[in-house]
Amino acid sequence: MVQSKKILVPNDFSVRPLLLLKKIIESNPGQNYHIMLLHGIYPPDTISGMLYYSKVRFIKEMESEEFVKSRNLLKSKYQSRITAMYSEVITSDRRYALNTFLKVSGIEEIYLADGLKFKFSGENSFNIIPLLKKASVPVKVVPVESIFDEQGSSFEESSGLSLSGLTKALINPYDGRAAML
C-alpha cells in the first residue's frame, strides 16, 4: 500500500487551489495525498470577537457552495488517491509560528502556483504565500501555464474560474461523450 504524502496548498476558497491540486495529483500518478488547504486569518482584536471566534464557523462562512461542490467533485474523481482533504486556518503571519504549525501538522511539502493571483477576500484574511515561501519544509512551485494549458485555454480566459471550469477540467471524454469518473 502506498503511503500518503501530507501536502499543503494555499486556499482562498475559490477554484484556483483545486485546479492546482488537480495538476499535482495528475503529475504524480503513483502517489496518494493527505491534503491541507491553508488560509491565513488574523485573530479578532476585541474581547467579544475572541469569545465568539470559531475556526470551524469561519471556514464554513468562507466556503461558498461553488467551492464545496468543486472540492467534492475533485475528491470523488480522485477518491483512491486522496486519503483526506480539509481546510485549515493559521492565525499568525510569523515564520516561527508557521514552522511550528507545519511540524505539528506533519506537512511534508508545500505547493504554490507561480503567477496565480489568489484573492484572500475574508475581512481579516492575509496573503500567506510570502510566508509559505520561507517555510522550513520543501516548497514546490508549479507554473500557472502548465495548469491551464492542459484545458486548452489561456490563463486570461480562466481568470474567471468557476465550478463549470473545474467540471470541464475533471470530465474525461469517452467515445465522444463525457463521462464523469
N, C-alpha and C. Protein backbone atom coordinates (compact mmCIF):
# COMPACT_ATOMS: atom_id res chain seq x y z
N MET A 1 0.84 -1.19 0.00
CA MET A 1 0.00 0.00 0.00
C MET A 1 0.88 1.25 0.00
N VAL A 2 0.52 2.23 -0.83
CA VAL A 2 1.27 3.46 -0.95
C VAL A 2 0.94 4.37 0.22
N GLN A 3 1.97 4.89 0.88
CA GLN A 3 1.76 5.79 1.99
C GLN A 3 1.40 7.18 1.45
N SER A 4 0.50 7.87 2.12
CA SER A 4 0.06 9.20 1.69
C SER A 4 1.10 10.25 2.04
N LYS A 5 1.30 11.17 1.11
CA LYS A 5 2.18 12.31 1.35
C LYS A 5 1.30 13.45 1.85
N LYS A 6 1.70 14.06 2.95
CA LYS A 6 0.93 15.15 3.54
C LYS A 6 1.42 16.46 2.93
N ILE A 7 0.53 17.11 2.15
CA ILE A 7 0.90 18.34 1.46
C ILE A 7 0.00 19.50 1.89
N LEU A 8 0.49 20.70 1.64
CA LEU A 8 -0.24 21.92 1.95
C LEU A 8 -0.34 22.76 0.69
N VAL A 9 -1.53 23.32 0.46
CA VAL A 9 -1.78 24.21 -0.67
C VAL A 9 -2.49 25.44 -0.11
N PRO A 10 -2.05 26.67 -0.49
CA PRO A 10 -2.76 27.85 -0.01
C PRO A 10 -4.19 27.85 -0.52
N ASN A 11 -5.09 28.41 0.28
CA ASN A 11 -6.51 28.36 -0.04
C ASN A 11 -7.14 29.74 0.08
N ASP A 12 -7.76 30.19 -1.00
CA ASP A 12 -8.53 31.44 -0.94
C ASP A 12 -10.03 31.15 -1.11
N PHE A 13 -10.39 29.89 -0.97
CA PHE A 13 -11.77 29.42 -1.06
C PHE A 13 -12.38 29.69 -2.43
N SER A 14 -11.54 29.61 -3.47
CA SER A 14 -12.01 29.68 -4.86
C SER A 14 -11.60 28.36 -5.52
N VAL A 15 -11.84 28.25 -6.81
CA VAL A 15 -11.50 27.04 -7.54
C VAL A 15 -10.00 26.97 -7.83
N ARG A 16 -9.30 28.08 -7.71
CA ARG A 16 -7.86 28.14 -8.02
C ARG A 16 -7.02 27.06 -7.32
N PRO A 17 -7.12 26.92 -6.00
CA PRO A 17 -6.29 25.89 -5.36
C PRO A 17 -6.69 24.47 -5.78
N LEU A 18 -7.93 24.29 -6.17
CA LEU A 18 -8.39 22.96 -6.59
C LEU A 18 -7.81 22.60 -7.95
N LEU A 19 -7.67 23.59 -8.84
CA LEU A 19 -7.02 23.33 -10.12
C LEU A 19 -5.54 23.00 -9.92
N LEU A 20 -4.90 23.67 -8.98
CA LEU A 20 -3.52 23.35 -8.65
C LEU A 20 -3.43 21.92 -8.13
N LEU A 21 -4.35 21.52 -7.27
CA LEU A 21 -4.37 20.15 -6.74
C LEU A 21 -4.55 19.12 -7.85
N LYS A 22 -5.43 19.41 -8.79
CA LYS A 22 -5.64 18.51 -9.92
C LYS A 22 -4.34 18.28 -10.67
N LYS A 23 -3.59 19.36 -10.91
CA LYS A 23 -2.30 19.27 -11.60
C LYS A 23 -1.30 18.44 -10.80
N ILE A 24 -1.27 18.65 -9.49
CA ILE A 24 -0.34 17.91 -8.62
C ILE A 24 -0.64 16.42 -8.66
N ILE A 25 -1.91 16.08 -8.51
CA ILE A 25 -2.32 14.68 -8.47
C ILE A 25 -2.03 13.99 -9.80
N GLU A 26 -2.33 14.66 -10.91
CA GLU A 26 -2.12 14.05 -12.22
C GLU A 26 -0.65 13.93 -12.58
N SER A 27 0.19 14.79 -12.05
CA SER A 27 1.61 14.73 -12.40
C SER A 27 2.37 13.67 -11.60
N ASN A 28 1.75 13.09 -10.58
CA ASN A 28 2.38 12.05 -9.76
C ASN A 28 1.42 10.87 -9.64
N PRO A 29 1.32 10.05 -10.68
CA PRO A 29 0.29 9.00 -10.72
C PRO A 29 0.37 7.93 -9.63
N GLY A 30 1.52 7.66 -9.07
CA GLY A 30 1.62 6.60 -8.07
C GLY A 30 1.53 7.08 -6.64
N GLN A 31 1.24 8.36 -6.44
CA GLN A 31 1.28 8.94 -5.10
C GLN A 31 -0.13 9.19 -4.56
N ASN A 32 -0.34 8.89 -3.29
CA ASN A 32 -1.58 9.24 -2.59
C ASN A 32 -1.31 10.49 -1.76
N TYR A 33 -2.37 11.26 -1.49
CA TYR A 33 -2.19 12.55 -0.82
C TYR A 33 -3.14 12.73 0.36
N HIS A 34 -2.60 13.36 1.38
CA HIS A 34 -3.34 13.87 2.53
C HIS A 34 -3.19 15.39 2.37
N ILE A 35 -4.28 16.10 2.06
CA ILE A 35 -4.20 17.48 1.60
C ILE A 35 -4.78 18.45 2.63
N MET A 36 -3.98 19.46 2.96
CA MET A 36 -4.45 20.56 3.80
C MET A 36 -4.51 21.82 2.93
N LEU A 37 -5.67 22.44 2.89
CA LEU A 37 -5.86 23.71 2.21
C LEU A 37 -5.79 24.80 3.28
N LEU A 38 -4.74 25.62 3.25
CA LEU A 38 -4.47 26.57 4.33
C LEU A 38 -4.84 28.00 3.96
N HIS A 39 -5.52 28.66 4.88
CA HIS A 39 -5.91 30.07 4.72
C HIS A 39 -5.38 30.85 5.92
N GLY A 40 -4.87 32.05 5.69
CA GLY A 40 -4.37 32.89 6.77
C GLY A 40 -5.39 33.91 7.21
N ILE A 41 -5.60 34.01 8.50
CA ILE A 41 -6.54 35.00 9.04
C ILE A 41 -5.98 35.54 10.35
N TYR A 42 -6.07 36.86 10.51
CA TYR A 42 -5.70 37.46 11.78
C TYR A 42 -6.81 37.20 12.79
N PRO A 43 -6.45 36.89 14.03
CA PRO A 43 -7.50 36.65 15.03
C PRO A 43 -8.24 37.94 15.35
N PRO A 44 -9.44 37.83 15.87
CA PRO A 44 -10.19 39.03 16.25
C PRO A 44 -9.42 39.84 17.28
N ASP A 45 -9.62 41.16 17.27
CA ASP A 45 -8.87 42.01 18.19
C ASP A 45 -9.75 42.62 19.29
N THR A 46 -10.95 42.10 19.43
CA THR A 46 -11.82 42.56 20.51
C THR A 46 -12.11 41.39 21.45
N ILE A 47 -12.48 41.71 22.66
CA ILE A 47 -12.79 40.65 23.63
C ILE A 47 -13.98 39.83 23.17
N SER A 48 -15.03 40.51 22.72
CA SER A 48 -16.21 39.76 22.26
C SER A 48 -15.88 38.94 21.02
N GLY A 49 -15.04 39.49 20.15
CA GLY A 49 -14.63 38.74 18.96
C GLY A 49 -13.85 37.48 19.32
N MET A 50 -12.99 37.60 20.33
CA MET A 50 -12.21 36.44 20.79
C MET A 50 -13.11 35.40 21.45
N LEU A 51 -14.09 35.86 22.20
CA LEU A 51 -15.01 34.93 22.87
C LEU A 51 -15.81 34.10 21.89
N TYR A 52 -16.20 34.72 20.79
CA TYR A 52 -17.08 34.04 19.84
C TYR A 52 -16.37 33.55 18.59
N TYR A 53 -15.05 33.67 18.56
CA TYR A 53 -14.29 33.21 17.39
C TYR A 53 -14.32 31.69 17.32
N SER A 54 -14.60 31.19 16.14
CA SER A 54 -14.59 29.75 15.90
C SER A 54 -13.97 29.49 14.54
N LYS A 55 -12.91 28.72 14.54
CA LYS A 55 -12.24 28.37 13.28
C LYS A 55 -13.22 27.63 12.37
N VAL A 56 -13.97 26.72 12.93
CA VAL A 56 -14.92 25.93 12.14
C VAL A 56 -15.98 26.85 11.52
N ARG A 57 -16.51 27.78 12.29
CA ARG A 57 -17.52 28.71 11.78
C ARG A 57 -16.93 29.59 10.68
N PHE A 58 -15.70 30.06 10.88
CA PHE A 58 -15.05 30.89 9.87
C PHE A 58 -14.92 30.13 8.56
N ILE A 59 -14.45 28.89 8.62
CA ILE A 59 -14.27 28.10 7.41
C ILE A 59 -15.61 27.87 6.72
N LYS A 60 -16.64 27.54 7.48
CA LYS A 60 -17.98 27.32 6.91
C LYS A 60 -18.49 28.58 6.21
N GLU A 61 -18.24 29.74 6.81
CA GLU A 61 -18.68 31.00 6.21
C GLU A 61 -17.92 31.31 4.93
N MET A 62 -16.65 30.96 4.87
CA MET A 62 -15.82 31.27 3.71
C MET A 62 -16.05 30.30 2.54
N GLU A 63 -16.41 29.06 2.85
CA GLU A 63 -16.60 28.06 1.80
C GLU A 63 -17.92 28.31 1.08
N SER A 64 -17.82 28.80 -0.16
CA SER A 64 -19.02 29.02 -0.95
C SER A 64 -19.56 27.68 -1.44
N GLU A 65 -20.78 27.70 -1.91
CA GLU A 65 -21.39 26.48 -2.43
C GLU A 65 -20.60 25.97 -3.64
N GLU A 66 -20.12 26.89 -4.45
CA GLU A 66 -19.33 26.53 -5.63
C GLU A 66 -18.02 25.84 -5.22
N PHE A 67 -17.36 26.38 -4.19
CA PHE A 67 -16.11 25.79 -3.71
C PHE A 67 -16.36 24.39 -3.17
N VAL A 68 -17.39 24.21 -2.37
CA VAL A 68 -17.70 22.91 -1.78
C VAL A 68 -18.01 21.89 -2.86
N LYS A 69 -18.81 22.28 -3.85
CA LYS A 69 -19.15 21.36 -4.95
C LYS A 69 -17.90 20.98 -5.74
N SER A 70 -17.05 21.98 -6.01
CA SER A 70 -15.82 21.71 -6.76
C SER A 70 -14.88 20.81 -5.99
N ARG A 71 -14.75 21.06 -4.69
CA ARG A 71 -13.90 20.22 -3.84
C ARG A 71 -14.43 18.79 -3.79
N ASN A 72 -15.73 18.63 -3.65
CA ASN A 72 -16.33 17.30 -3.61
C ASN A 72 -16.17 16.58 -4.95
N LEU A 73 -16.25 17.32 -6.05
CA LEU A 73 -16.05 16.74 -7.37
C LEU A 73 -14.61 16.23 -7.51
N LEU A 74 -13.65 17.03 -7.06
CA LEU A 74 -12.24 16.63 -7.10
C LEU A 74 -12.01 15.40 -6.22
N LYS A 75 -12.58 15.42 -5.02
CA LYS A 75 -12.42 14.28 -4.11
C LYS A 75 -13.03 13.01 -4.68
N SER A 76 -14.17 13.12 -5.34
CA SER A 76 -14.80 11.91 -5.89
C SER A 76 -14.03 11.39 -7.11
N LYS A 77 -13.49 12.28 -7.92
CA LYS A 77 -12.73 11.83 -9.09
C LYS A 77 -11.45 11.09 -8.66
N TYR A 78 -10.78 11.60 -7.63
CA TYR A 78 -9.51 11.02 -7.19
C TYR A 78 -9.65 10.36 -5.82
N GLN A 79 -10.80 9.76 -5.54
CA GLN A 79 -11.04 9.19 -4.22
C GLN A 79 -10.03 8.12 -3.82
N SER A 80 -9.49 7.41 -4.79
CA SER A 80 -8.50 6.38 -4.45
C SER A 80 -7.12 6.99 -4.16
N ARG A 81 -6.91 8.27 -4.52
CA ARG A 81 -5.61 8.91 -4.35
C ARG A 81 -5.59 9.96 -3.24
N ILE A 82 -6.79 10.42 -2.84
CA ILE A 82 -6.88 11.44 -1.79
C ILE A 82 -7.37 10.75 -0.52
N THR A 83 -6.48 10.63 0.46
CA THR A 83 -6.87 9.99 1.72
C THR A 83 -7.62 10.97 2.62
N ALA A 84 -7.32 12.26 2.51
CA ALA A 84 -8.01 13.29 3.28
C ALA A 84 -7.79 14.63 2.59
N MET A 85 -8.81 15.49 2.66
CA MET A 85 -8.69 16.86 2.16
C MET A 85 -9.55 17.74 3.06
N TYR A 86 -8.93 18.76 3.63
CA TYR A 86 -9.67 19.63 4.55
C TYR A 86 -9.08 21.03 4.54
N SER A 87 -9.90 21.98 4.96
CA SER A 87 -9.47 23.38 5.07
C SER A 87 -9.01 23.63 6.50
N GLU A 88 -7.99 24.47 6.61
CA GLU A 88 -7.41 24.82 7.91
C GLU A 88 -7.04 26.29 7.87
N VAL A 89 -6.93 26.92 9.03
CA VAL A 89 -6.51 28.32 9.10
C VAL A 89 -5.29 28.44 10.02
N ILE A 90 -4.49 29.45 9.72
CA ILE A 90 -3.38 29.83 10.59
C ILE A 90 -3.62 31.28 10.97
N THR A 91 -3.39 31.61 12.22
CA THR A 91 -3.73 32.94 12.72
C THR A 91 -2.51 33.81 13.02
N SER A 92 -1.40 33.50 12.40
CA SER A 92 -0.19 34.30 12.60
C SER A 92 0.56 34.42 11.28
N ASP A 93 1.16 35.57 11.07
CA ASP A 93 1.98 35.76 9.87
C ASP A 93 3.48 35.72 10.21
N ARG A 94 3.82 35.06 11.29
CA ARG A 94 5.21 34.92 11.72
C ARG A 94 5.77 33.57 11.26
N ARG A 95 7.01 33.59 10.80
CA ARG A 95 7.63 32.38 10.27
C ARG A 95 7.76 31.29 11.34
N TYR A 96 8.11 31.67 12.55
CA TYR A 96 8.25 30.68 13.62
C TYR A 96 6.93 29.97 13.87
N ALA A 97 5.84 30.72 13.89
CA ALA A 97 4.52 30.13 14.11
C ALA A 97 4.16 29.17 12.97
N LEU A 98 4.48 29.57 11.74
CA LEU A 98 4.21 28.70 10.59
C LEU A 98 5.01 27.42 10.68
N ASN A 99 6.31 27.53 10.97
CA ASN A 99 7.15 26.33 11.03
C ASN A 99 6.71 25.38 12.14
N THR A 100 6.28 25.93 13.27
CA THR A 100 5.75 25.09 14.34
C THR A 100 4.46 24.42 13.89
N PHE A 101 3.60 25.17 13.23
CA PHE A 101 2.34 24.65 12.69
C PHE A 101 2.60 23.51 11.71
N LEU A 102 3.56 23.69 10.82
CA LEU A 102 3.89 22.67 9.81
C LEU A 102 4.44 21.41 10.48
N LYS A 103 5.29 21.59 11.48
CA LYS A 103 5.88 20.44 12.17
C LYS A 103 4.80 19.65 12.92
N VAL A 104 3.95 20.35 13.66
CA VAL A 104 2.89 19.68 14.41
C VAL A 104 1.90 18.98 13.46
N SER A 105 1.64 19.59 12.30
CA SER A 105 0.70 19.03 11.33
C SER A 105 1.31 17.91 10.50
N GLY A 106 2.63 17.79 10.51
CA GLY A 106 3.29 16.74 9.74
C GLY A 106 3.33 16.99 8.25
N ILE A 107 3.32 18.25 7.84
CA ILE A 107 3.34 18.60 6.42
C ILE A 107 4.71 18.28 5.83
N GLU A 108 4.70 17.56 4.69
CA GLU A 108 5.95 17.16 4.04
C GLU A 108 6.35 18.10 2.91
N GLU A 109 5.36 18.68 2.21
CA GLU A 109 5.66 19.59 1.09
C GLU A 109 4.57 20.65 1.00
N ILE A 110 4.98 21.81 0.48
CA ILE A 110 4.06 22.89 0.19
C ILE A 110 4.08 23.10 -1.32
N TYR A 111 2.91 23.26 -1.91
CA TYR A 111 2.80 23.52 -3.35
C TYR A 111 2.23 24.92 -3.56
N LEU A 112 2.90 25.68 -4.42
CA LEU A 112 2.44 27.02 -4.80
C LEU A 112 2.31 27.08 -6.31
N ALA A 113 1.41 27.93 -6.77
CA ALA A 113 1.24 28.16 -8.21
C ALA A 113 1.98 29.44 -8.57
N ASP A 114 2.97 29.35 -9.44
CA ASP A 114 3.76 30.51 -9.84
C ASP A 114 2.91 31.43 -10.72
N GLY A 115 2.71 32.64 -10.26
CA GLY A 115 1.99 33.63 -11.05
C GLY A 115 0.48 33.62 -10.87
N LEU A 116 -0.05 32.70 -10.15
CA LEU A 116 -1.50 32.65 -9.92
C LEU A 116 -1.84 33.58 -8.76
N LYS A 117 -2.70 34.52 -9.02
CA LYS A 117 -3.07 35.51 -8.00
C LYS A 117 -4.24 34.99 -7.19
N PHE A 118 -3.99 34.72 -5.94
CA PHE A 118 -5.06 34.31 -5.03
C PHE A 118 -5.75 35.58 -4.52
N LYS A 119 -7.01 35.45 -4.21
CA LYS A 119 -7.79 36.58 -3.70
C LYS A 119 -8.25 36.24 -2.29
N PHE A 120 -7.46 36.67 -1.32
CA PHE A 120 -7.79 36.41 0.08
C PHE A 120 -8.80 37.47 0.51
N SER A 121 -10.08 37.12 0.39
CA SER A 121 -11.14 38.12 0.50
C SER A 121 -11.81 38.21 1.86
N GLY A 122 -11.43 37.38 2.80
CA GLY A 122 -12.03 37.47 4.13
C GLY A 122 -11.68 38.79 4.79
N GLU A 123 -12.52 39.23 5.71
CA GLU A 123 -12.34 40.53 6.37
C GLU A 123 -10.96 40.65 7.02
N ASN A 124 -10.51 39.62 7.70
CA ASN A 124 -9.21 39.65 8.38
C ASN A 124 -8.19 38.72 7.72
N SER A 125 -8.43 38.32 6.50
CA SER A 125 -7.53 37.40 5.80
C SER A 125 -6.23 38.10 5.43
N PHE A 126 -5.16 37.30 5.34
CA PHE A 126 -3.89 37.84 4.86
C PHE A 126 -3.29 36.87 3.85
N ASN A 127 -2.42 37.40 3.02
CA ASN A 127 -1.77 36.62 1.98
C ASN A 127 -0.68 35.75 2.61
N ILE A 128 -0.86 34.44 2.58
CA ILE A 128 0.11 33.54 3.21
C ILE A 128 1.23 33.10 2.27
N ILE A 129 1.14 33.46 1.01
CA ILE A 129 2.13 32.99 0.02
C ILE A 129 3.55 33.43 0.38
N PRO A 130 3.81 34.71 0.69
CA PRO A 130 5.19 35.09 1.05
C PRO A 130 5.70 34.33 2.28
N LEU A 131 4.82 34.07 3.22
CA LEU A 131 5.19 33.31 4.41
C LEU A 131 5.52 31.86 4.06
N LEU A 132 4.71 31.25 3.20
CA LEU A 132 4.94 29.86 2.81
C LEU A 132 6.25 29.68 2.06
N LYS A 133 6.66 30.69 1.32
CA LYS A 133 7.92 30.61 0.57
C LYS A 133 9.13 30.50 1.49
N LYS A 134 8.99 30.93 2.74
CA LYS A 134 10.08 30.90 3.72
C LYS A 134 9.95 29.73 4.69
N ALA A 135 9.10 28.78 4.39
CA ALA A 135 8.82 27.67 5.31
C ALA A 135 10.01 26.73 5.44
N SER A 136 9.98 25.95 6.52
CA SER A 136 11.06 25.01 6.81
C SER A 136 10.91 23.68 6.07
N VAL A 137 9.81 23.48 5.36
CA VAL A 137 9.61 22.26 4.57
C VAL A 137 9.79 22.60 3.09
N PRO A 138 10.06 21.59 2.25
CA PRO A 138 10.25 21.87 0.82
C PRO A 138 9.03 22.54 0.18
N VAL A 139 9.31 23.53 -0.66
CA VAL A 139 8.26 24.25 -1.38
C VAL A 139 8.43 23.97 -2.87
N LYS A 140 7.38 23.46 -3.49
CA LYS A 140 7.41 23.21 -4.94
C LYS A 140 6.51 24.22 -5.62
N VAL A 141 7.02 24.82 -6.70
CA VAL A 141 6.27 25.83 -7.44
C VAL A 141 5.87 25.24 -8.79
N VAL A 142 4.56 25.29 -9.07
CA VAL A 142 4.01 24.77 -10.32
C VAL A 142 3.70 25.97 -11.20
N PRO A 143 4.24 26.02 -12.43
CA PRO A 143 3.94 27.14 -13.33
C PRO A 143 2.46 27.19 -13.67
N VAL A 144 1.88 28.38 -13.66
CA VAL A 144 0.46 28.56 -13.94
C VAL A 144 0.12 28.05 -15.33
N GLU A 145 0.98 28.32 -16.29
CA GLU A 145 0.71 27.93 -17.67
C GLU A 145 0.46 26.43 -17.78
N SER A 146 1.20 25.64 -17.01
CA SER A 146 1.04 24.19 -17.10
C SER A 146 -0.30 23.74 -16.53
N ILE A 147 -0.89 24.52 -15.65
CA ILE A 147 -2.20 24.17 -15.11
C ILE A 147 -3.28 24.42 -16.15
N PHE A 148 -3.20 25.56 -16.84
CA PHE A 148 -4.27 25.95 -17.74
C PHE A 148 -4.09 25.48 -19.17
N ASP A 149 -2.87 25.20 -19.60
CA ASP A 149 -2.64 24.76 -20.97
C ASP A 149 -3.32 23.44 -21.27
N GLU A 150 -3.37 22.53 -20.29
CA GLU A 150 -3.99 21.23 -20.50
C GLU A 150 -5.47 21.34 -20.77
N GLN A 151 -6.10 22.42 -20.33
CA GLN A 151 -7.52 22.59 -20.55
C GLN A 151 -7.80 23.25 -21.89
N GLY A 152 -6.74 23.63 -22.62
CA GLY A 152 -6.91 24.25 -23.91
C GLY A 152 -7.31 25.70 -23.82
N SER A 153 -7.07 26.33 -22.70
CA SER A 153 -7.39 27.74 -22.56
C SER A 153 -6.23 28.45 -21.90
N SER A 154 -6.20 29.75 -22.10
CA SER A 154 -5.12 30.53 -21.51
C SER A 154 -5.50 30.93 -20.09
N PHE A 155 -4.53 31.45 -19.38
CA PHE A 155 -4.79 31.90 -18.02
C PHE A 155 -5.80 33.05 -18.03
N GLU A 156 -5.69 33.94 -19.02
CA GLU A 156 -6.61 35.08 -19.09
C GLU A 156 -8.05 34.60 -19.23
N GLU A 157 -8.27 33.56 -20.05
CA GLU A 157 -9.61 33.03 -20.22
C GLU A 157 -10.10 32.35 -18.94
N SER A 158 -9.17 31.82 -18.18
CA SER A 158 -9.54 31.06 -16.98
C SER A 158 -9.56 31.92 -15.72
N SER A 159 -9.32 33.22 -15.86
CA SER A 159 -9.25 34.06 -14.66
C SER A 159 -10.60 34.13 -13.96
N GLY A 160 -11.68 33.88 -14.66
CA GLY A 160 -12.99 33.82 -14.02
C GLY A 160 -13.31 32.38 -13.68
N LEU A 161 -12.42 31.72 -12.97
CA LEU A 161 -12.58 30.31 -12.65
C LEU A 161 -13.90 30.05 -11.94
N SER A 162 -14.53 28.95 -12.30
CA SER A 162 -15.81 28.63 -11.71
C SER A 162 -15.97 27.13 -11.62
N LEU A 163 -17.09 26.71 -11.08
CA LEU A 163 -17.40 25.29 -11.00
C LEU A 163 -17.44 24.67 -12.39
N SER A 164 -17.99 25.40 -13.35
CA SER A 164 -18.05 24.84 -14.70
C SER A 164 -16.65 24.65 -15.28
N GLY A 165 -15.72 25.56 -14.95
CA GLY A 165 -14.34 25.41 -15.41
C GLY A 165 -13.68 24.19 -14.81
N LEU A 166 -13.88 23.96 -13.52
CA LEU A 166 -13.31 22.78 -12.89
C LEU A 166 -14.00 21.51 -13.39
N THR A 167 -15.30 21.58 -13.58
CA THR A 167 -16.04 20.43 -14.09
C THR A 167 -15.49 20.02 -15.45
N LYS A 168 -15.27 21.00 -16.33
CA LYS A 168 -14.69 20.70 -17.66
C LYS A 168 -13.32 20.06 -17.51
N ALA A 169 -12.55 20.54 -16.55
CA ALA A 169 -11.19 20.01 -16.35
C ALA A 169 -11.22 18.59 -15.82
N LEU A 170 -12.26 18.21 -15.10
CA LEU A 170 -12.32 16.89 -14.49
C LEU A 170 -13.07 15.86 -15.32
N ILE A 171 -13.81 16.30 -16.33
CA ILE A 171 -14.57 15.37 -17.16
C ILE A 171 -13.63 14.75 -18.19
N ASN A 172 -13.68 13.43 -18.30
CA ASN A 172 -12.87 12.72 -19.28
C ASN A 172 -13.73 12.37 -20.49
N PRO A 173 -13.25 12.65 -21.70
CA PRO A 173 -14.01 12.23 -22.88
C PRO A 173 -13.97 10.72 -23.01
N TYR A 174 -15.07 10.14 -23.42
CA TYR A 174 -15.17 8.71 -23.60
C TYR A 174 -16.10 8.41 -24.75
N ASP A 175 -15.56 7.85 -25.82
CA ASP A 175 -16.36 7.52 -27.00
C ASP A 175 -17.21 8.69 -27.47
N GLY A 176 -16.62 9.88 -27.52
CA GLY A 176 -17.34 11.04 -28.00
C GLY A 176 -18.31 11.63 -27.00
N ARG A 177 -18.47 10.99 -25.86
CA ARG A 177 -19.35 11.53 -24.83
C ARG A 177 -18.52 11.86 -23.59
N ALA A 178 -19.06 12.69 -22.74
CA ALA A 178 -18.37 12.98 -21.49
C ALA A 178 -18.84 12.01 -20.41
N ALA A 179 -17.89 11.44 -19.72
CA ALA A 179 -18.22 10.51 -18.65
C ALA A 179 -17.53 10.96 -17.37
N MET A 180 -18.29 11.13 -16.34
CA MET A 180 -17.70 11.51 -15.06
C MET A 180 -17.16 10.27 -14.39
N LEU A 181 -15.97 10.38 -13.82
CA LEU A 181 -15.38 9.26 -13.11
C LEU A 181 -15.59 9.42 -11.65
